[in-house]
Amino acid sequence: MSDDTDDLLGWVREAARGADDKKAVNTLVIDVGEVLSVTDYFVITNGTNPRQVAAIVEGVEARVKERGGPSPVRIEGADQREWVLIDYGGFVVHVFDADHRDFYQLERLWSDRPTVDWEPVVPGEV
């Protein structure tokens, strides 16, 4: 693995942890790099209400930035808080509300792709 790949995977895991910090539900990281030319990883998660969806988006952005990661290339859907897409180029974070996640079922669509392990942060760790 190159340093760039190590950095990218590290930021992907930090994005998942940023969602987890805000009590996101069922956060999943999927490796889509071999079948998509536009990105390498999807982080898929959801909140239980619009306020939590917004908090998760903020938590992901803050955590990636704190760890030296890139700024998002673009963010879509932040006003509606139903399906927010945070595009970092090398990875895309999908933050849904529960109804939209259930409807679109991205993890089912990409179920043939490998998932990436990430560890939630243990309280007291940084």
Protein backbone atom coordinates (compact mmCIF):
# COMPACT_ATOMS: atom_id res chain seq x y z
CA MET A 1 0.00 0.00 0.00
CA SER A 2 1.31 3.45 -0.85
CA ASP A 3 1.37 6.31 1.61
CA ASP A 4 -1.46 7.98 -0.33
CA THR A 5 -3.59 4.85 0.00
CA ASP A 6 -2.75 4.58 3.71
CA ASP A 7 -3.75 8.22 4.22
CA LEU A 8 -6.98 7.77 2.27
CA LEU A 9 -8.00 4.67 4.22
CA GLY A 10 -7.10 6.44 7.46
CA TRP A 11 -9.35 9.37 6.58
CA VAL A 12 -12.15 6.98 5.59
CA ARG A 13 -11.91 5.35 9.01
CA GLU A 14 -11.83 8.77 10.69
CA ALA A 15 -14.99 9.74 8.80
CA ALA A 16 -16.70 6.61 10.16
CA ARG A 17 -15.48 7.47 13.66
CA GLY A 18 -16.72 11.04 13.26
CA ALA A 19 -20.18 9.66 12.49
CA ASP A 20 -19.91 7.28 15.42
CA ASP A 21 -18.99 10.20 17.72
CA LYS A 22 -22.43 11.64 16.94
CA LYS A 23 -24.22 8.34 17.66
CA ALA A 24 -24.80 7.45 14.01
CA VAL A 25 -26.58 4.17 13.35
CA ASN A 26 -25.01 1.15 11.60
CA THR A 27 -22.01 2.90 10.07
CA LEU A 28 -20.53 0.83 7.27
CA VAL A 29 -17.48 1.35 5.04
CA ILE A 30 -17.53 -0.29 1.60
CA ASP A 31 -14.58 -0.60 -0.80
CA VAL A 32 -15.96 0.32 -4.24
CA GLY A 33 -12.64 1.25 -5.85
CA GLU A 34 -12.42 -1.70 -8.23
CA VAL A 35 -15.86 -1.08 -9.73
CA LEU A 36 -16.22 2.72 -9.59
CA SER A 37 -13.85 5.12 -11.26
CA VAL A 38 -15.06 8.19 -9.35
CA THR A 39 -14.25 7.12 -5.78
CA ASP A 40 -12.66 4.33 -3.77
CA TYR A 41 -14.81 4.06 -0.64
CA PHE A 42 -18.33 4.71 0.56
CA VAL A 43 -19.09 5.44 4.20
CA ILE A 44 -22.79 4.80 4.77
CA THR A 45 -24.58 5.75 7.96
CA ASN A 46 -27.77 7.29 9.26
CA GLY A 47 -29.23 9.45 11.97
CA THR A 48 -32.62 9.13 13.60
CA ASN A 49 -33.83 12.69 12.94
CA PRO A 50 -32.87 15.75 10.85
CA ARG A 51 -30.97 17.39 13.70
CA GLN A 52 -28.83 14.29 14.21
CA VAL A 53 -28.18 13.98 10.46
CA ALA A 54 -26.79 17.54 10.52
CA ALA A 55 -24.70 16.77 13.62
CA ILE A 56 -23.26 13.65 11.94
CA VAL A 57 -22.28 15.66 8.86
CA GLU A 58 -20.54 18.24 11.06
CA GLY A 59 -18.86 15.48 13.08
CA VAL A 60 -17.50 13.77 9.99
CA GLU A 61 -16.12 17.02 8.56
CA ALA A 62 -14.52 18.02 11.86
CA ARG A 63 -12.92 14.64 12.49
CA VAL A 64 -11.43 14.31 9.00
CA LYS A 65 -10.09 17.87 9.18
CA GLU A 66 -8.62 17.37 12.69
CA ARG A 67 -6.73 14.32 11.39
CA GLY A 68 -5.16 16.27 8.51
CA GLY A 69 -7.60 15.11 5.88
CA PRO A 70 -8.95 17.03 2.92
CA SER A 71 -11.92 19.35 2.84
CA PRO A 72 -14.96 18.05 1.00
CA VAL A 73 -15.05 18.67 -2.74
CA ARG A 74 -18.78 19.25 -2.36
CA ILE A 75 -21.68 18.57 -0.03
CA GLU A 76 -25.17 17.89 -1.34
CA GLY A 77 -28.48 17.59 0.50
CA ALA A 78 -27.43 19.39 3.68
CA ASP A 79 -30.51 21.63 3.65
CA GLN A 80 -32.99 18.75 3.38
CA ARG A 81 -31.16 16.50 5.91
CA GLU A 82 -32.63 13.35 4.35
CA TRP A 83 -29.61 12.13 2.37
CA VAL A 84 -26.47 14.21 2.70
CA LEU A 85 -23.61 13.31 0.41
CA ILE A 86 -20.15 14.49 1.48
CA ASP A 87 -17.77 14.05 -1.46
CA TYR A 88 -14.08 13.95 -0.56
CA GLY A 89 -12.99 12.69 -3.98
CA GLY A 90 -11.32 9.47 -2.84
CA PHE A 91 -14.26 8.64 -0.61
CA VAL A 92 -17.89 9.62 -0.29
CA VAL A 93 -19.86 9.75 2.95
CA HIS A 94 -23.61 9.11 2.72
CA VAL A 95 -25.54 10.31 5.78
CA PHE A 96 -29.19 9.34 5.60
CA ASP A 97 -32.22 9.69 7.79
CA ALA A 98 -33.60 6.24 8.63
CA ASP A 99 -36.42 6.28 6.06
CA HIS A 100 -34.19 7.23 3.14
CA ARG A 101 -31.52 4.73 4.08
CA ASP A 102 -34.14 2.00 4.20
CA PHE A 103 -35.58 3.10 0.85
CA TYR A 104 -32.31 3.38 -1.12
CA GLN A 105 -30.50 0.46 0.58
CA LEU A 106 -27.05 1.35 -0.73
CA GLU A 107 -25.44 -1.38 1.34
CA ARG A 108 -27.64 -3.93 -0.40
CA LEU A 109 -26.80 -2.47 -3.81
CA TRP A 110 -23.08 -2.82 -3.01
CA SER A 111 -23.35 -6.07 -1.05
CA ASP A 112 -20.93 -7.84 -3.41
CA ARG A 113 -18.14 -5.43 -2.45
CA PRO A 114 -15.85 -5.93 0.55
CA THR A 115 -16.35 -3.92 3.69
CA VAL A 116 -13.57 -2.17 5.59
CA ASP A 117 -13.10 -2.65 9.30
CA TRP A 118 -12.97 0.48 11.43
CA GLU A 119 -12.87 0.69 15.16
CA PRO A 120 -15.04 3.12 17.10
CA VAL A 121 -13.09 5.34 19.42
CA VAL A 122 -12.97 4.11 22.98
CA PRO A 123 -13.99 6.85 25.44
CA GLY A 124 -10.88 8.63 26.71
CA GLU A 125 -8.89 7.96 23.49
CA VAL A 126 -8.17 10.59 20.88
